[in-house]
PDB file of N, CA and C in Angstrom:
ATOM      1  N   UNK A   1       0.911   4.655  13.185  1.00  0.00           N
ATOM      2  CA  UNK A   1       1.198   4.260  12.355  1.00  0.00           C
ATOM      3  C   UNK A   1       0.033   2.995  11.836  1.00  0.00           C
ATOM      4  N   UNK A   2       0.241   2.243  13.260  1.00  0.00           N
ATOM      5  CA  UNK A   2      -0.712   1.353  13.129  1.00  0.00           C
ATOM      6  C   UNK A   2      -2.172   1.402  13.045  1.00  0.00           C
ATOM      7  N   UNK A   3      -2.327   2.053  13.525  1.00  0.00           N
ATOM      8  CA  UNK A   3      -3.758   3.149  12.732  1.00  0.00           C
ATOM      9  C   UNK A   3      -4.019   2.691  10.988  1.00  0.00           C
ATOM     10  N   UNK A   4      -2.973   3.149  11.069  1.00  0.00           N
ATOM     11  CA  UNK A   4      -2.799   3.965   9.643  1.00  0.00           C
ATOM     12  C   UNK A   4      -2.493   2.052   8.464  1.00  0.00           C
ATOM     13  N   UNK A   5      -2.471   1.941   9.058  1.00  0.00           N
ATOM     14  CA  UNK A   5      -1.674   0.272   9.001  1.00  0.00           C
ATOM     15  C   UNK A   5      -3.277  -0.679   8.420  1.00  0.00           C
ATOM     16  N   UNK A   6      -3.765  -0.312  10.143  1.00  0.00           N
ATOM     17  CA  UNK A   6      -5.507  -0.952  10.087  1.00  0.00           C
ATOM     18  C   UNK A   6      -6.529  -1.035   8.962  1.00  0.00           C
ATOM     19  N   UNK A   7      -6.227   0.447   8.958  1.00  0.00           N
ATOM     20  CA  UNK A   7      -7.437   1.375   8.212  1.00  0.00           C
ATOM     21  C   UNK A   7      -7.353   0.449   6.281  1.00  0.00           C
ATOM     22  N   UNK A   8      -5.671   0.888   5.927  1.00  0.00           N
ATOM     23  CA  UNK A   8      -5.477   0.402   4.865  1.00  0.00           C
ATOM     24  C   UNK A   8      -5.648  -1.285   4.690  1.00  0.00           C
ATOM     25  N   UNK A   9      -5.620  -1.899   5.813  1.00  0.00           N
ATOM     26  CA  UNK A   9      -5.829  -3.423   5.363  1.00  0.00           C
ATOM     27  C   UNK A   9      -7.195  -4.101   5.674  1.00  0.00           C
ATOM     28  N   UNK A  10      -8.196  -2.791   6.129  1.00  0.00           N
ATOM     29  CA  UNK A  10      -9.418  -2.278   6.264  1.00  0.00           C
ATOM     30  C   UNK A  10     -10.013  -2.509   4.863  1.00  0.00           C
ATOM     31  N   UNK A  11      -9.533  -1.169   4.396  1.00  0.00           N
ATOM     32  CA  UNK A  11     -10.228  -0.771   2.611  1.00  0.00           C
ATOM     33  C   UNK A  11     -10.040  -1.994   1.448  1.00  0.00           C
ATOM     34  N   UNK A  12      -9.212  -2.351   2.061  1.00  0.00           N
ATOM     35  CA  UNK A  12      -8.744  -3.986   1.039  1.00  0.00           C
ATOM     36  C   UNK A  12      -9.247  -5.226   1.324  1.00  0.00           C
ATOM     37  N   UNK A  13      -9.748  -5.310   2.301  1.00  0.00           N
ATOM     38  CA  UNK A  13     -11.215  -5.939   2.755  1.00  0.00           C
ATOM     39  C   UNK A  13     -12.241  -5.896   2.402  1.00  0.00           C
ATOM     40  N   UNK A  14     -12.739  -4.529   2.553  1.00  0.00           N
ATOM     41  CA  UNK A  14     -13.671  -3.774   1.024  1.00  0.00           C
ATOM     42  C   UNK A  14     -14.109  -4.127   0.023  1.00  0.00           C
ATOM     43  N   UNK A  15     -12.391  -3.869  -0.375  1.00  0.00           N
ATOM     44  CA  UNK A  15     -12.475  -3.751  -1.844  1.00  0.00           C
ATOM     45  C   UNK A  15     -12.409  -5.554  -2.206  1.00  0.00           C
ATOM     46  N   UNK A  16     -12.635  -5.901  -1.944  1.00  0.00           N
ATOM     47  CA  UNK A  16     -11.954  -7.777  -2.364  1.00  0.00           C
ATOM     48  C   UNK A  16     -14.125  -8.371  -2.036  1.00  0.00           C
ATOM     49  N   UNK A  17     -14.319  -7.745  -0.317  1.00  0.00           N
ATOM     50  CA  UNK A  17     -15.736  -8.018  -0.011  1.00  0.00           C
ATOM     51  C   UNK A  17     -16.913  -7.118  -1.859  1.00  0.00           C
ATOM     52  N   UNK A  18     -16.445  -6.591  -1.643  1.00  0.00           N
ATOM     53  CA  UNK A  18     -17.462  -5.523  -2.888  1.00  0.00           C
ATOM     54  C   UNK A  18     -17.116  -6.125  -4.224  1.00  0.00           C
ATOM     55  N   UNK A  19     -15.911  -7.141  -4.505  1.00  0.00           N
ATOM     56  CA  UNK A  19     -15.536  -8.073  -5.551  1.00  0.00           C
ATOM     57  C   UNK A  19     -16.262  -9.037  -5.877  1.00  0.00           C
ATOM     58  N   UNK A  20     -16.429  -9.613  -4.699  1.00  0.00           N
ATOM     59  CA  UNK A  20     -17.063 -11.381  -4.482  1.00  0.00           C
ATOM     60  C   UNK A  20     -18.294 -10.834  -4.788  1.00  0.00           C
ATOM     61  N   UNK A  21     -18.619  -9.752  -4.146  1.00  0.00           N
ATOM     62  CA  UNK A  21     -20.478  -9.397  -4.288  1.00  0.00           C
ATOM     63  C   UNK A  21     -21.309  -8.903  -5.154  1.00  0.00           C
ATOM     64  N   UNK A  22     -20.024  -8.623  -6.616  1.00  0.00           N
ATOM     65  CA  UNK A  22     -20.426  -7.708  -7.779  1.00  0.00           C
ATOM     66  C   UNK A  22     -20.088  -9.519  -8.234  1.00  0.00           C
ATOM     67  N   UNK A  23     -19.425 -10.063  -8.206  1.00  0.00           N
ATOM     68  CA  UNK A  23     -19.479 -11.513  -8.719  1.00  0.00           C
ATOM     69  C   UNK A  23     -20.754 -11.817  -8.902  1.00  0.00           C
ATOM     70  N   UNK A  24     -21.518 -12.408  -7.458  1.00  0.00           N
ATOM     71  CA  UNK A  24     -22.500 -13.622  -6.627  1.00  0.00           C
ATOM     72  C   UNK A  24     -23.563 -12.486  -7.500  1.00  0.00           C
ATOM     73  N   UNK A  25     -23.029 -11.658  -7.023  1.00  0.00           N
ATOM     74  CA  UNK A  25     -24.201 -10.510  -7.713  1.00  0.00           C
ATOM     75  C   UNK A  25     -25.131 -11.247  -8.975  1.00  0.00           C
ATOM     76  N   UNK A  26     -23.654 -10.939 -10.468  1.00  0.00           N
ATOM     77  CA  UNK A  26     -24.120 -12.007 -11.235  1.00  0.00           C
ATOM     78  C   UNK A  26     -24.222 -12.545 -11.528  1.00  0.00           C
ATOM     79  N   UNK A  27     -23.785 -14.125 -10.942  1.00  0.00           N
ATOM     80  CA  UNK A  27     -24.490 -15.404 -11.337  1.00  0.00           C
ATOM     81  C   UNK A  27     -26.073 -15.061 -10.785  1.00  0.00           C
ATOM     82  N   UNK A  28     -26.130 -15.193  -9.970  1.00  0.00           N
ATOM     83  CA  UNK A  28     -27.497 -14.852  -9.624  1.00  0.00           C
ATOM     84  C   UNK A  28     -28.679 -14.337 -10.780  1.00  0.00           C
ATOM     85  N   UNK A  29     -27.934 -13.557 -10.741  1.00  0.00           N
ATOM     86  CA  UNK A  29     -28.701 -12.364 -12.153  1.00  0.00           C
ATOM     87  C   UNK A  29     -28.875 -13.790 -13.064  1.00  0.00           C
ATOM     88  N   UNK A  30     -27.009 -14.142 -13.302  1.00  0.00           N
ATOM     89  CA  UNK A  30     -27.464 -15.306 -14.527  1.00  0.00           C
ATOM     90  C   UNK A  30     -28.196 -16.171 -14.388  1.00  0.00           C
ATOM     91  N   UNK A  31     -28.210 -17.414 -12.339  1.00  0.00           N
ATOM     92  CA  UNK A  31     -29.495 -18.220 -12.578  1.00  0.00           C
ATOM     93  C   UNK A  31     -30.923 -17.589 -12.193  1.00  0.00           C
ATOM     94  N   UNK A  32     -31.459 -16.618 -12.634  1.00  0.00           N
ATOM     95  CA  UNK A  32     -32.604 -15.826 -12.608  1.00  0.00           C
ATOM     96  C   UNK A  32     -33.007 -16.052 -13.949  1.00  0.00           C
ATOM     97  N   UNK A  33     -31.987 -15.933 -14.626  1.00  0.00           N
ATOM     98  CA  UNK A  33     -32.455 -15.936 -16.251  1.00  0.00           C
ATOM     99  C   UNK A  33     -32.399 -16.633 -16.776  1.00  0.00           C
ATOM    100  N   UNK A  34     -31.573 -17.949 -16.502  1.00  0.00           N
ATOM    101  CA  UNK A  34     -31.957 -19.592 -16.575  1.00  0.00           C
ATOM    102  C   UNK A  34     -32.970 -19.778 -16.376  1.00  0.00           C
ATOM    103  N   UNK A  35     -33.436 -19.677 -15.167  1.00  0.00           N
ATOM    104  CA  UNK A  35     -34.487 -20.702 -14.404  1.00  0.00           C
ATOM    105  C   UNK A  35     -36.444 -19.486 -15.449  1.00  0.00           C
ATOM    106  N   UNK A  36     -36.118 -18.261 -15.782  1.00  0.00           N
ATOM    107  CA  UNK A  36     -37.001 -17.952 -16.229  1.00  0.00           C
ATOM    108  C   UNK A  36     -37.015 -18.938 -17.439  1.00  0.00           C
ATOM    109  N   UNK A  37     -35.849 -18.711 -18.196  1.00  0.00           N
ATOM    110  CA  UNK A  37     -35.742 -19.428 -19.325  1.00  0.00           C
ATOM    111  C   UNK A  37     -36.414 -21.660 -19.645  1.00  0.00           C
ATOM    112  N   UNK A  38     -36.067 -22.042 -18.509  1.00  0.00           N
ATOM    113  CA  UNK A  38     -36.262 -22.900 -18.323  1.00  0.00           C
ATOM    114  C   UNK A  38     -38.621 -22.645 -17.989  1.00  0.00           C
ATOM    115  N   UNK A  39     -38.572 -22.239 -17.019  1.00  0.00           N
ATOM    116  CA  UNK A  39     -39.897 -21.923 -16.734  1.00  0.00           C
ATOM    117  C   UNK A  39     -40.860 -22.005 -17.815  1.00  0.00           C
TER     118      UNK A  39
END
């Protein structure tokens, strides 16, 4: 049972990291676009 709970926590952590990474990618892409526009 403990192993399953750990696995679920790990899955949740991965999902949160994935969302964070997507957000970071979006911001990074936006910054690149702004830089190109200003260049």
